[in-house]
Amino acid sequence: MTHQSSLSTFKSSTLMKLFIIGTFFISSISFIACKSSENNHDASGIFEANEVIVSSEVSGKILNLNIEEGMTILKDSVIGKIDPINLQLQTEQVSSSMAALRQKTNDADPQIQVLETQITAQQKQLAILNTQLNTAIREQKRIQNLVKAEAAPAKQLDDVNAQVDLIKDQIEAANSQLNVLKRQIVSQKEMVGIQNRSILSEQQPLEKKLAQMKDQLSKTNITNPIAGTVLTKYANAGEITVPGKAIYKIADLSYVTLRIYITGTQIPQIKLNQTVKVAIDEGEKKYKNYEGTITWISDKAEFTPKTIQTKEERANLVYPVKIRVKNDGYLKLGMYGEVNFK
């Protein structure tokens, strides 16, 4: 009885061990199958965005900078100010130089007014001479008739003829003087114009410089170029900045881009503007799903990046692909995402 009891106990123990091993094997197979099903994706990659580094455009002390990392800023918002005093002084200096140029220019009007007064007097004198000439000519004709009728001596006619010739000579001289005065006005205008052009030739470069200074002055306002979220802040109020020095980095996170790499065998499965399924980890065994759109497919293959795992890990060459995904706030830059093309 004792031998039979021990044999029965051994059989029961063996059956229990086989049952436990079988149960563990089946559970392992189910877990592996489930895990394999959960990780059944066509490609994976990292979320990124178009980042813009905003740099200073002028030199000076940062008076204020009203941003913090994580802050959302609208496009064209003025978020800071660089000390403008140096540029303001330079602008005033250029403006003063332009005003001084205008004071150096000559004005021909006073001299021209004198000449015009002389012309007016000369024209009046000509009018008087013409009147005298007309009178003398009428007297000349009258005396000629009297001489023909032998009613007046010839000497009287000679005197009248001499008077007519004298008046004509005076009119000719007056016209000559009038022309001289007119030429003097033209010459005066040309001479003053040449002098002024020489002086004012310096004005155009000064105007260009003034426009440049005003442009630089406007850039002392730190203006945000795009709507987005501040990712990194590189400077603070009170610091000295120079052109090209980074102040902050910003990106529009309303849409993010998932950059993935696929093999040549996967290329026929996708096309531009194709809608795909994008998933991110949500807990240990859960995924949060998004809808994405393929916006770019590289036309050139490149070597597999070390940080990227493709479906065929042994492939030497892969094609970069960008997928645009609307961000609901959960998607972060640098986060991994998985993609199913179907």
C-alpha atoms as a PDB file:
ATOM      1  CA  MET A   1       0.000   0.000   0.000  1.00  0.00           C
ATOM      2  CA  THR A   2       2.816   2.351   0.736  1.00  0.00           C
ATOM      3  CA  HIS A   3       4.514   1.712  -2.644  1.00  0.00           C
ATOM      4  CA  GLN A   4       1.263   2.259  -4.557  1.00  0.00           C
ATOM      5  CA  SER A   5       0.573   5.500  -2.666  1.00  0.00           C
ATOM      6  CA  SER A   6       4.055   6.883  -3.502  1.00  0.00           C
ATOM      7  CA  LEU A   7       3.630   5.965  -7.174  1.00  0.00           C
ATOM      8  CA  SER A   8       0.240   7.700  -7.283  1.00  0.00           C
ATOM      9  CA  THR A   9       1.704  10.826  -5.678  1.00  0.00           C
ATOM     10  CA  PHE A  10       4.605  10.882  -8.206  1.00  0.00           C
ATOM     11  CA  LYS A  11       2.175  10.606 -11.166  1.00  0.00           C
ATOM     12  CA  SER A  12       0.021  13.434  -9.811  1.00  0.00           C
ATOM     13  CA  SER A  13       3.068  15.670  -9.311  1.00  0.00           C
ATOM     14  CA  THR A  14       4.353  14.963 -12.825  1.00  0.00           C
ATOM     15  CA  LEU A  15       0.986  15.754 -14.406  1.00  0.00           C
ATOM     16  CA  MET A  16       0.792  19.027 -12.438  1.00  0.00           C
ATOM     17  CA  LYS A  17       4.258  20.095 -13.675  1.00  0.00           C
ATOM     18  CA  LEU A  18       3.342  19.272 -17.260  1.00  0.00           C
ATOM     19  CA  PHE A  19       0.119  21.281 -16.901  1.00  0.00           C
ATOM     20  CA  ILE A  20       1.984  24.291 -15.508  1.00  0.00           C
ATOM     21  CA  ILE A  21       4.623  24.140 -18.269  1.00  0.00           C
ATOM     22  CA  GLY A  22       1.941  23.852 -20.940  1.00  0.00           C
ATOM     23  CA  THR A  23      -0.026  26.746 -19.492  1.00  0.00           C
ATOM     24  CA  PHE A  24       3.102  28.948 -19.350  1.00  0.00           C
ATOM     25  CA  PHE A  25       4.015  28.017 -22.955  1.00  0.00           C
ATOM     26  CA  ILE A  26       0.536  28.866 -24.237  1.00  0.00           C
ATOM     27  CA  SER A  27       0.523  32.171 -22.307  1.00  0.00           C
ATOM     28  CA  SER A  28       3.939  33.053 -23.707  1.00  0.00           C
ATOM     29  CA  ILE A  29       2.816  32.332 -27.242  1.00  0.00           C
ATOM     30  CA  SER A  30      -0.319  34.457 -26.725  1.00  0.00           C
ATOM     31  CA  PHE A  31       1.702  37.338 -25.225  1.00  0.00           C
ATOM     32  CA  ILE A  32       4.239  37.261 -28.060  1.00  0.00           C
ATOM     33  CA  ALA A  33       1.462  37.141 -30.665  1.00  0.00           C
ATOM     34  CA  CYS A  34      -0.355  40.003 -28.960  1.00  0.00           C
ATOM     35  CA  LYS A  35       2.833  42.054 -28.661  1.00  0.00           C
ATOM     36  CA  SER A  36       3.686  41.318 -32.266  1.00  0.00           C
ATOM     37  CA  SER A  37       0.226  42.437 -33.309  1.00  0.00           C
ATOM     38  CA  GLU A  38       0.527  45.654 -31.302  1.00  0.00           C
ATOM     39  CA  ASN A  39       3.899  46.511 -32.873  1.00  0.00           C
ATOM     40  CA  ASN A  40       2.790  45.747 -36.413  1.00  0.00           C
ATOM     41  CA  HIS A  41       3.707  49.073 -38.056  1.00  0.00           C
ATOM     42  CA  ASP A  42       5.261  49.971 -41.391  1.00  0.00           C
ATOM     43  CA  ALA A  43       7.719  52.595 -40.175  1.00  0.00           C
ATOM     44  CA  SER A  44       8.611  54.783 -37.226  1.00  0.00           C
ATOM     45  CA  GLY A  45      10.277  58.116 -36.741  1.00  0.00           C
ATOM     46  CA  ILE A  46      10.557  61.263 -34.671  1.00  0.00           C
ATOM     47  CA  PHE A  47       8.267  64.284 -34.572  1.00  0.00           C
ATOM     48  CA  GLU A  48       9.844  67.589 -35.583  1.00  0.00           C
ATOM     49  CA  ALA A  49       8.751  71.094 -36.583  1.00  0.00           C
ATOM     50  CA  ASN A  50      10.002  73.975 -38.683  1.00  0.00           C
ATOM     51  CA  GLU A  51      11.990  75.860 -36.082  1.00  0.00           C
ATOM     52  CA  VAL A  52      12.909  79.522 -36.544  1.00  0.00           C
ATOM     53  CA  ILE A  53      15.789  81.072 -34.627  1.00  0.00           C
ATOM     54  CA  VAL A  54      15.114  84.785 -34.174  1.00  0.00           C
ATOM     55  CA  SER A  55      18.337  86.782 -34.063  1.00  0.00           C
ATOM     56  CA  SER A  56      19.202  90.385 -33.340  1.00  0.00           C
ATOM     57  CA  GLU A  57      19.490  92.695 -36.361  1.00  0.00           C
ATOM     58  CA  VAL A  58      21.216  95.576 -34.566  1.00  0.00           C
ATOM     59  CA  SER A  59      23.739  96.048 -31.781  1.00  0.00           C
ATOM     60  CA  GLY A  60      22.835  97.345 -28.357  1.00  0.00           C
ATOM     61  CA  LYS A  61      21.548  96.575 -24.908  1.00  0.00           C
ATOM     62  CA  ILE A  62      18.314  94.588 -24.655  1.00  0.00           C
ATOM     63  CA  LEU A  63      16.003  96.895 -22.705  1.00  0.00           C
ATOM     64  CA  ASN A  64      13.166  94.374 -22.373  1.00  0.00           C
ATOM     65  CA  LEU A  65      12.271  90.914 -23.653  1.00  0.00           C
ATOM     66  CA  ASN A  66       8.737  89.825 -22.815  1.00  0.00           C
ATOM     67  CA  ILE A  67       8.859  86.107 -23.612  1.00  0.00           C
ATOM     68  CA  GLU A  68       9.243  82.846 -21.707  1.00  0.00           C
ATOM     69  CA  GLU A  69       9.770  79.290 -22.919  1.00  0.00           C
ATOM     70  CA  GLY A  70       6.447  77.651 -23.706  1.00  0.00           C
ATOM     71  CA  MET A  71       4.725  80.971 -24.383  1.00  0.00           C
ATOM     72  CA  THR A  72       2.568  81.239 -27.514  1.00  0.00           C
ATOM     73  CA  ILE A  73       3.204  84.403 -29.546  1.00  0.00           C
ATOM     74  CA  LEU A  74       1.288  85.897 -32.459  1.00  0.00           C
ATOM     75  CA  LYS A  75       2.968  86.826 -35.732  1.00  0.00           C
ATOM     76  CA  ASP A  76       4.360  90.394 -35.956  1.00  0.00           C
ATOM     77  CA  SER A  77       4.091  90.893 -32.192  1.00  0.00           C
ATOM     78  CA  VAL A  78       6.701  93.257 -30.713  1.00  0.00           C
ATOM     79  CA  ILE A  79       8.155  91.226 -27.864  1.00  0.00           C
ATOM     80  CA  GLY A  80      11.213  93.274 -26.950  1.00  0.00           C
ATOM     81  CA  LYS A  81      13.285  96.409 -27.437  1.00  0.00           C
ATOM     82  CA  ILE A  82      16.986  97.069 -28.068  1.00  0.00           C
ATOM     83  CA  ASP A  83      18.413 100.400 -26.911  1.00  0.00           C
ATOM     84  CA  PRO A  84      17.990 102.778 -29.911  1.00  0.00           C
ATOM     85  CA  ILE A  85      19.906 105.821 -28.584  1.00  0.00           C
ATOM     86  CA  ASN A  86      23.024 105.294 -30.713  1.00  0.00           C
ATOM     87  CA  LEU A  87      21.001 104.911 -33.917  1.00  0.00           C
ATOM     88  CA  GLN A  88      18.836 107.904 -33.018  1.00  0.00           C
ATOM     89  CA  LEU A  89      21.924 110.095 -32.660  1.00  0.00           C
ATOM     90  CA  GLN A  90      23.275 108.908 -36.012  1.00  0.00           C
ATOM     91  CA  THR A  91      19.913 109.622 -37.659  1.00  0.00           C
ATOM     92  CA  GLU A  92      19.865 113.152 -36.247  1.00  0.00           C
ATOM     93  CA  GLN A  93      23.431 113.713 -37.457  1.00  0.00           C
ATOM     94  CA  VAL A  94      22.534 112.747 -41.024  1.00  0.00           C
ATOM     95  CA  SER A  95      19.423 114.964 -40.915  1.00  0.00           C
ATOM     96  CA  SER A  96      21.560 117.899 -39.746  1.00  0.00           C
ATOM     97  CA  SER A  97      24.015 117.337 -42.597  1.00  0.00           C
ATOM     98  CA  MET A  98      21.164 117.453 -45.103  1.00  0.00           C
ATOM     99  CA  ALA A  99      19.850 120.689 -43.590  1.00  0.00           C
ATOM    100  CA  ALA A 100      23.345 122.216 -43.800  1.00  0.00           C
ATOM    101  CA  LEU A 101      23.528 121.342 -47.489  1.00  0.00           C
ATOM    102  CA  ARG A 102      20.350 123.258 -48.211  1.00  0.00           C
ATOM    103  CA  GLN A 103      21.819 126.300 -46.452  1.00  0.00           C
ATOM    104  CA  LYS A 104      24.916 126.132 -48.661  1.00  0.00           C
ATOM    105  CA  THR A 105      22.904 126.360 -51.877  1.00  0.00           C
ATOM    106  CA  ASN A 106      22.772 129.696 -53.733  1.00  0.00           C
ATOM    107  CA  ASP A 107      19.566 131.512 -54.590  1.00  0.00           C
ATOM    108  CA  ALA A 108      19.552 133.249 -57.977  1.00  0.00           C
ATOM    109  CA  ASP A 109      16.309 135.126 -57.332  1.00  0.00           C
ATOM    110  CA  PRO A 110      17.775 138.338 -55.811  1.00  0.00           C
ATOM    111  CA  GLN A 111      20.197 138.895 -58.708  1.00  0.00           C
ATOM    112  CA  ILE A 112      17.543 137.951 -61.236  1.00  0.00           C
ATOM    113  CA  GLN A 113      15.107 140.447 -59.696  1.00  0.00           C
ATOM    114  CA  VAL A 114      17.707 143.230 -60.172  1.00  0.00           C
ATOM    115  CA  LEU A 115      18.178 142.258 -63.800  1.00  0.00           C
ATOM    116  CA  GLU A 116      14.455 142.049 -64.387  1.00  0.00           C
ATOM    117  CA  THR A 117      14.057 145.561 -62.950  1.00  0.00           C
ATOM    118  CA  GLN A 118      16.667 146.806 -65.396  1.00  0.00           C
ATOM    119  CA  ILE A 119      14.875 145.033 -68.241  1.00  0.00           C
ATOM    120  CA  THR A 120      11.592 146.712 -67.283  1.00  0.00           C
ATOM    121  CA  ALA A 121      13.284 150.129 -67.286  1.00  0.00           C
ATOM    122  CA  GLN A 122      14.929 149.383 -70.632  1.00  0.00           C
ATOM    123  CA  GLN A 123      11.591 148.338 -72.142  1.00  0.00           C
ATOM    124  CA  LYS A 124      10.028 151.591 -70.973  1.00  0.00           C
ATOM    125  CA  GLN A 125      12.896 153.523 -72.538  1.00  0.00           C
ATOM    126  CA  LEU A 126      12.365 151.602 -75.779  1.00  0.00           C
ATOM    127  CA  ALA A 127       8.695 152.498 -75.750  1.00  0.00           C
ATOM    128  CA  ILE A 128       9.581 156.206 -75.398  1.00  0.00           C
ATOM    129  CA  LEU A 129      12.150 155.991 -78.201  1.00  0.00           C
ATOM    130  CA  ASN A 130       9.665 154.251 -80.487  1.00  0.00           C
ATOM    131  CA  THR A 131       7.143 157.020 -79.814  1.00  0.00           C
ATOM    132  CA  GLN A 132       9.780 159.657 -80.549  1.00  0.00           C
ATOM    133  CA  LEU A 133      10.746 157.803 -83.729  1.00  0.00           C
ATOM    134  CA  ASN A 134       7.157 157.744 -84.972  1.00  0.00           C
ATOM    135  CA  THR A 135       6.833 161.460 -84.294  1.00  0.00           C
ATOM    136  CA  ALA A 136      10.128 162.197 -86.024  1.00  0.00           C
ATOM    137  CA  ILE A 137       9.150 160.142 -89.072  1.00  0.00           C
ATOM    138  CA  ARG A 138       5.859 162.023 -89.415  1.00  0.00           C
ATOM    139  CA  GLU A 139       7.767 165.319 -89.138  1.00  0.00           C
ATOM    140  CA  GLN A 140      10.281 164.038 -91.718  1.00  0.00           C
ATOM    141  CA  LYS A 141       7.470 163.335 -94.204  1.00  0.00           C
ATOM    142  CA  ARG A 142       5.910 166.749 -93.584  1.00  0.00           C
ATOM    143  CA  ILE A 143       9.221 168.564 -94.134  1.00  0.00           C
ATOM    144  CA  GLN A 144       9.899 166.498 -97.272  1.00  0.00           C
ATOM    145  CA  ASN A 145       6.578 167.697 -98.720  1.00  0.00           C
ATOM    146  CA  LEU A 146       7.365 171.298 -97.816  1.00  0.00           C
ATOM    147  CA  VAL A 147      10.837 171.072 -99.393  1.00  0.00           C
ATOM    148  CA  LYS A 148       9.318 169.678-102.577  1.00  0.00           C
ATOM    149  CA  ALA A 149       6.891 172.573-102.605  1.00  0.00           C
ATOM    150  CA  GLU A 150       9.825 174.903-101.922  1.00  0.00           C
ATOM    151  CA  ALA A 151       7.984 176.042 -98.826  1.00  0.00           C
ATOM    152  CA  ALA A 152      10.811 175.047 -96.422  1.00  0.00           C
ATOM    153  CA  PRO A 153      14.598 175.155 -96.643  1.00  0.00           C
ATOM    154  CA  ALA A 154      16.596 171.930 -97.317  1.00  0.00           C
ATOM    155  CA  LYS A 155      18.526 172.410 -94.071  1.00  0.00           C
ATOM    156  CA  GLN A 156      15.342 171.785 -92.074  1.00  0.00           C
ATOM    157  CA  LEU A 157      14.935 168.443 -93.830  1.00  0.00           C
ATOM    158  CA  ASP A 158      18.555 167.582 -93.057  1.00  0.00           C
ATOM    159  CA  ASP A 159      17.949 168.307 -89.384  1.00  0.00           C
ATOM    160  CA  VAL A 160      14.864 166.056 -89.282  1.00  0.00           C
ATOM    161  CA  ASN A 161      16.710 163.243 -91.077  1.00  0.00           C
ATOM    162  CA  ALA A 162      19.545 163.476 -88.556  1.00  0.00           C
ATOM    163  CA  GLN A 163      17.049 163.339 -85.694  1.00  0.00           C
ATOM    164  CA  VAL A 164      15.369 160.196 -87.140  1.00  0.00           C
ATOM    165  CA  ASP A 165      18.730 158.456 -87.566  1.00  0.00           C
ATOM    166  CA  LEU A 166      19.726 159.368 -84.020  1.00  0.00           C
ATOM    167  CA  ILE A 167      16.533 157.914 -82.550  1.00  0.00           C
ATOM    168  CA  LYS A 168      16.982 154.695 -84.580  1.00  0.00           C
ATOM    169  CA  ASP A 169      20.531 154.351 -83.235  1.00  0.00           C
ATOM    170  CA  GLN A 170      19.240 154.844 -79.695  1.00  0.00           C
ATOM    171  CA  ILE A 171      16.541 152.151 -80.236  1.00  0.00           C
ATOM    172  CA  GLU A 172      19.134 149.731 -81.598  1.00  0.00           C
ATOM    173  CA  ALA A 173      21.391 150.330 -78.603  1.00  0.00           C
ATOM    174  CA  ALA A 174      18.448 149.869 -76.213  1.00  0.00           C
ATOM    175  CA  ASN A 175      17.467 146.568 -77.873  1.00  0.00           C
ATOM    176  CA  SER A 176      21.053 145.405 -77.657  1.00  0.00           C
ATOM    177  CA  GLN A 177      21.164 146.261 -73.953  1.00  0.00           C
ATOM    178  CA  LEU A 178      17.843 144.493 -73.431  1.00  0.00           C
ATOM    179  CA  ASN A 179      19.216 141.318 -75.027  1.00  0.00           C
ATOM    180  CA  VAL A 180      22.303 141.547 -72.834  1.00  0.00           C
ATOM    181  CA  LEU A 181      20.128 141.739 -69.713  1.00  0.00           C
ATOM    182  CA  LYS A 182      18.092 138.718 -70.837  1.00  0.00           C
ATOM    183  CA  ARG A 183      21.258 136.709 -71.478  1.00  0.00           C
ATOM    184  CA  GLN A 184      22.545 137.687 -68.044  1.00  0.00           C
ATOM    185  CA  ILE A 185      19.385 136.247 -66.459  1.00  0.00           C
ATOM    186  CA  VAL A 186      19.859 132.959 -68.347  1.00  0.00           C
ATOM    187  CA  SER A 187      23.555 132.862 -67.415  1.00  0.00           C
ATOM    188  CA  GLN A 188      22.793 133.633 -63.779  1.00  0.00           C
ATOM    189  CA  LYS A 189      20.283 130.781 -63.596  1.00  0.00           C
ATOM    190  CA  GLU A 190      22.718 128.340 -65.250  1.00  0.00           C
ATOM    191  CA  MET A 191      25.620 129.363 -63.028  1.00  0.00           C
ATOM    192  CA  VAL A 192      23.602 129.065 -59.818  1.00  0.00           C
ATOM    193  CA  GLY A 193      22.159 125.752 -61.057  1.00  0.00           C
ATOM    194  CA  ILE A 194      25.658 124.351 -61.624  1.00  0.00           C
ATOM    195  CA  GLN A 195      26.793 125.486 -58.180  1.00  0.00           C
ATOM    196  CA  ASN A 196      23.701 124.052 -56.502  1.00  0.00           C
ATOM    197  CA  ARG A 197      23.964 120.748 -58.341  1.00  0.00           C
ATOM    198  CA  SER A 198      27.531 120.416 -57.121  1.00  0.00           C
ATOM    199  CA  ILE A 199      26.409 121.026 -53.555  1.00  0.00           C
ATOM    200  CA  LEU A 200      23.260 118.927 -53.768  1.00  0.00           C
ATOM    201  CA  SER A 201      25.129 115.996 -55.331  1.00  0.00           C
ATOM    202  CA  GLU A 202      25.972 115.110 -51.731  1.00  0.00           C
ATOM    203  CA  GLN A 203      22.297 115.029 -50.776  1.00  0.00           C
ATOM    204  CA  GLN A 204      21.344 111.760 -52.478  1.00  0.00           C
ATOM    205  CA  PRO A 205      23.951 109.677 -50.595  1.00  0.00           C
ATOM    206  CA  LEU A 206      22.808 111.354 -47.379  1.00  0.00           C
ATOM    207  CA  GLU A 207      19.176 110.500 -48.181  1.00  0.00           C
ATOM    208  CA  LYS A 208      20.149 106.869 -48.741  1.00  0.00           C
ATOM    209  CA  LYS A 209      22.062 106.834 -45.469  1.00  0.00           C
ATOM    210  CA  LEU A 210      19.130 108.411 -43.643  1.00  0.00           C
ATOM    211  CA  ALA A 211      16.768 105.733 -45.009  1.00  0.00           C
ATOM    212  CA  GLN A 212      19.232 103.071 -43.909  1.00  0.00           C
ATOM    213  CA  MET A 213      19.465 104.544 -40.417  1.00  0.00           C
ATOM    214  CA  LYS A 214      15.678 104.709 -40.110  1.00  0.00           C
ATOM    215  CA  ASP A 215      15.466 101.066 -41.194  1.00  0.00           C
ATOM    216  CA  GLN A 216      18.039 100.106 -38.573  1.00  0.00           C
ATOM    217  CA  LEU A 217      16.143 102.158 -36.007  1.00  0.00           C
ATOM    218  CA  SER A 218      12.931 100.248 -36.752  1.00  0.00           C
ATOM    219  CA  LYS A 219      14.792  96.998 -36.133  1.00  0.00           C
ATOM    220  CA  THR A 220      15.450  97.941 -32.515  1.00  0.00           C
ATOM    221  CA  ASN A 221      11.923  96.589 -32.001  1.00  0.00           C
ATOM    222  CA  ILE A 222      12.224  92.796 -31.678  1.00  0.00           C
ATOM    223  CA  THR A 223       9.339  91.555 -33.838  1.00  0.00           C
ATOM    224  CA  ASN A 224       8.186  87.946 -33.838  1.00  0.00           C
ATOM    225  CA  PRO A 225       8.248  86.565 -37.431  1.00  0.00           C
ATOM    226  CA  ILE A 226       5.777  83.654 -37.106  1.00  0.00           C
ATOM    227  CA  ALA A 227       2.933  82.564 -34.881  1.00  0.00           C
ATOM    228  CA  GLY A 228       4.086  79.764 -32.629  1.00  0.00           C
ATOM    229  CA  THR A 229       5.469  78.575 -29.320  1.00  0.00           C
ATOM    230  CA  VAL A 230       8.770  79.688 -27.806  1.00  0.00           C
ATOM    231  CA  LEU A 231      11.011  76.612 -27.602  1.00  0.00           C
ATOM    232  CA  THR A 232      14.232  78.100 -26.234  1.00  0.00           C
ATOM    233  CA  LYS A 233      15.167  81.512 -24.874  1.00  0.00           C
ATOM    234  CA  TYR A 234      18.813  82.442 -25.475  1.00  0.00           C
ATOM    235  CA  ALA A 235      18.961  86.022 -24.126  1.00  0.00           C
ATOM    236  CA  ASN A 236      17.592  88.163 -21.321  1.00  0.00           C
ATOM    237  CA  ALA A 237      16.911  91.845 -20.699  1.00  0.00           C
ATOM    238  CA  GLY A 238      20.058  93.732 -19.768  1.00  0.00           C
ATOM    239  CA  GLU A 239      22.377  91.719 -22.014  1.00  0.00           C
ATOM    240  CA  ILE A 240      24.327  93.214 -24.913  1.00  0.00           C
ATOM    241  CA  THR A 241      23.464  91.793 -28.311  1.00  0.00           C
ATOM    242  CA  VAL A 242      24.965  92.078 -31.783  1.00  0.00           C
ATOM    243  CA  PRO A 243      23.600  91.381 -35.287  1.00  0.00           C
ATOM    244  CA  GLY A 244      23.181  87.650 -35.850  1.00  0.00           C
ATOM    245  CA  LYS A 245      23.154  86.714 -32.171  1.00  0.00           C
ATOM    246  CA  ALA A 246      20.271  84.343 -31.370  1.00  0.00           C
ATOM    247  CA  ILE A 247      17.589  85.684 -29.029  1.00  0.00           C
ATOM    248  CA  TYR A 248      15.062  82.844 -29.015  1.00  0.00           C
ATOM    249  CA  LYS A 249      13.812  79.854 -30.994  1.00  0.00           C
ATOM    250  CA  ILE A 250      10.166  79.466 -31.999  1.00  0.00           C
ATOM    251  CA  ALA A 251       8.101  76.921 -33.921  1.00  0.00           C
ATOM    252  CA  ASP A 252       4.474  76.547 -34.984  1.00  0.00           C
ATOM    253  CA  LEU A 253       3.323  73.443 -33.095  1.00  0.00           C
ATOM    254  CA  SER A 254      -0.278  73.443 -34.328  1.00  0.00           C
ATOM    255  CA  TYR A 255       0.978  70.971 -36.939  1.00  0.00           C
ATOM    256  CA  VAL A 256       4.060  68.795 -36.475  1.00  0.00           C
ATOM    257  CA  THR A 257       5.985  66.654 -38.931  1.00  0.00           C
ATOM    258  CA  LEU A 258       6.822  62.998 -38.419  1.00  0.00           C
ATOM    259  CA  ARG A 259      10.015  62.174 -40.304  1.00  0.00           C
ATOM    260  CA  ILE A 260      10.262  58.468 -41.123  1.00  0.00           C
ATOM    261  CA  TYR A 261      12.550  56.355 -43.288  1.00  0.00           C
ATOM    262  CA  ILE A 262      11.265  53.595 -45.550  1.00  0.00           C
ATOM    263  CA  THR A 263      12.939  51.011 -47.759  1.00  0.00           C
ATOM    264  CA  GLY A 264      12.766  50.782 -51.503  1.00  0.00           C
ATOM    265  CA  THR A 265      10.242  47.953 -51.265  1.00  0.00           C
ATOM    266  CA  GLN A 266       7.856  50.245 -49.364  1.00  0.00           C
ATOM    267  CA  ILE A 267       8.021  53.140 -51.849  1.00  0.00           C
ATOM    268  CA  PRO A 268       5.223  51.730 -54.085  1.00  0.00           C
ATOM    269  CA  GLN A 269       2.864  51.719 -51.060  1.00  0.00           C
ATOM    270  CA  ILE A 270       2.817  55.492 -50.599  1.00  0.00           C
ATOM    271  CA  LYS A 271       2.215  58.699 -52.566  1.00  0.00           C
ATOM    272  CA  LEU A 272       2.007  62.428 -51.864  1.00  0.00           C
ATOM    273  CA  ASN A 273      -1.125  63.663 -50.008  1.00  0.00           C
ATOM    274  CA  GLN A 274      -1.890  60.096 -48.951  1.00  0.00           C
ATOM    275  CA  THR A 275      -3.644  59.774 -45.592  1.00  0.00           C
ATOM    276  CA  VAL A 276      -1.916  57.400 -43.163  1.00  0.00           C
ATOM    277  CA  LYS A 277      -2.400  56.240 -39.588  1.00  0.00           C
ATOM    278  CA  VAL A 278       0.035  57.622 -37.023  1.00  0.00           C
ATOM    279  CA  ALA A 279       0.253  56.209 -33.508  1.00  0.00           C
ATOM    280  CA  ILE A 280       2.117  57.168 -30.335  1.00  0.00           C
ATOM    281  CA  ASP A 281       2.525  55.268 -27.077  1.00  0.00           C
ATOM    282  CA  GLU A 282      -0.246  55.845 -24.538  1.00  0.00           C
ATOM    283  CA  GLY A 283       0.633  53.794 -21.522  1.00  0.00           C
ATOM    284  CA  GLU A 284       2.389  50.425 -21.499  1.00  0.00           C
ATOM    285  CA  LYS A 285       0.259  48.568 -24.070  1.00  0.00           C
ATOM    286  CA  LYS A 286      -1.911  51.305 -25.553  1.00  0.00           C
ATOM    287  CA  TYR A 287      -1.581  53.574 -28.559  1.00  0.00           C
ATOM    288  CA  LYS A 288      -3.063  56.984 -29.318  1.00  0.00           C
ATOM    289  CA  ASN A 289      -3.949  57.279 -32.988  1.00  0.00           C
ATOM    290  CA  TYR A 290      -3.806  60.285 -35.315  1.00  0.00           C
ATOM    291  CA  GLU A 291      -4.439  60.928 -38.967  1.00  0.00           C
ATOM    292  CA  GLY A 292      -1.495  62.195 -40.965  1.00  0.00           C
ATOM    293  CA  THR A 293      -0.833  63.320 -44.541  1.00  0.00           C
ATOM    294  CA  ILE A 294       2.297  62.534 -46.519  1.00  0.00           C
ATOM    295  CA  THR A 295       3.681  65.900 -47.629  1.00  0.00           C
ATOM    296  CA  TRP A 296       7.142  64.961 -48.930  1.00  0.00           C
ATOM    297  CA  ILE A 297       8.897  61.891 -50.278  1.00  0.00           C
ATOM    298  CA  SER A 298      12.575  62.137 -51.059  1.00  0.00           C
ATOM    299  CA  ASP A 299      13.554  61.226 -54.610  1.00  0.00           C
ATOM    300  CA  LYS A 300      16.992  60.125 -53.426  1.00  0.00           C
ATOM    301  CA  ALA A 301      17.934  57.255 -51.165  1.00  0.00           C
ATOM    302  CA  GLU A 302      20.393  57.679 -48.296  1.00  0.00           C
ATOM    303  CA  PHE A 303      22.109  55.470 -45.756  1.00  0.00           C
ATOM    304  CA  THR A 304      19.997  54.316 -42.819  1.00  0.00           C
ATOM    305  CA  PRO A 305      20.351  56.721 -39.856  1.00  0.00           C
ATOM    306  CA  LYS A 306      21.678  54.957 -36.755  1.00  0.00           C
ATOM    307  CA  THR A 307      18.796  56.236 -34.636  1.00  0.00           C
ATOM    308  CA  ILE A 308      16.102  54.983 -36.999  1.00  0.00           C
ATOM    309  CA  GLN A 309      14.687  51.446 -37.113  1.00  0.00           C
ATOM    310  CA  THR A 310      13.011  50.501 -40.401  1.00  0.00           C
ATOM    311  CA  LYS A 311      10.850  47.525 -41.141  1.00  0.00           C
ATOM    312  CA  GLU A 312      13.800  45.861 -42.821  1.00  0.00           C
ATOM    313  CA  GLU A 313      16.636  46.719 -40.469  1.00  0.00           C
ATOM    314  CA  ARG A 314      19.277  45.248 -42.748  1.00  0.00           C
ATOM    315  CA  ALA A 315      18.471  47.623 -45.619  1.00  0.00           C
ATOM    316  CA  ASN A 316      21.429  49.837 -46.425  1.00  0.00           C
ATOM    317  CA  LEU A 317      19.491  52.571 -48.227  1.00  0.00           C
ATOM    318  CA  VAL A 318      16.224  54.217 -47.192  1.00  0.00           C
ATOM    319  CA  TYR A 319      14.033  57.112 -48.365  1.00  0.00           C
ATOM    320  CA  PRO A 320      13.113  59.976 -45.988  1.00  0.00           C
ATOM    321  CA  VAL A 321       9.404  60.783 -45.819  1.00  0.00           C
ATOM    322  CA  LYS A 322       7.578  63.622 -44.035  1.00  0.00           C
ATOM    323  CA  ILE A 323       4.072  63.206 -42.614  1.00  0.00           C
ATOM    324  CA  ARG A 324       2.105  66.232 -41.448  1.00  0.00           C
ATOM    325  CA  VAL A 325       0.006  65.646 -38.328  1.00  0.00           C
ATOM    326  CA  LYS A 326      -2.396  68.033 -36.581  1.00  0.00           C
ATOM    327  CA  ASN A 327      -1.261  68.487 -32.993  1.00  0.00           C
ATOM    328  CA  ASP A 328      -3.847  68.271 -30.238  1.00  0.00           C
ATOM    329  CA  GLY A 329      -1.269  69.243 -27.629  1.00  0.00           C
ATOM    330  CA  TYR A 330      -0.025  65.742 -26.830  1.00  0.00           C
ATOM    331  CA  LEU A 331       2.525  65.556 -29.626  1.00  0.00           C
ATOM    332  CA  LYS A 332       5.952  66.785 -28.549  1.00  0.00           C
ATOM    333  CA  LEU A 333       9.087  67.407 -30.570  1.00  0.00           C
ATOM    334  CA  GLY A 334      11.480  64.453 -30.371  1.00  0.00           C
ATOM    335  CA  MET A 335       8.667  62.006 -29.539  1.00  0.00           C
ATOM    336  CA  TYR A 336       8.606  58.696 -31.437  1.00  0.00           C
ATOM    337  CA  GLY A 337       5.683  57.875 -33.680  1.00  0.00           C
ATOM    338  CA  GLU A 338       4.693  54.803 -35.658  1.00  0.00           C
ATOM    339  CA  VAL A 339       2.986  54.718 -39.055  1.00  0.00           C
ATOM    340  CA  ASN A 340       0.707  52.315 -40.874  1.00  0.00           C
ATOM    341  CA  PHE A 341       0.275  53.041 -44.564  1.00  0.00           C
ATOM    342  CA  LYS A 342      -2.939  51.029 -45.012  1.00  0.00           C
END
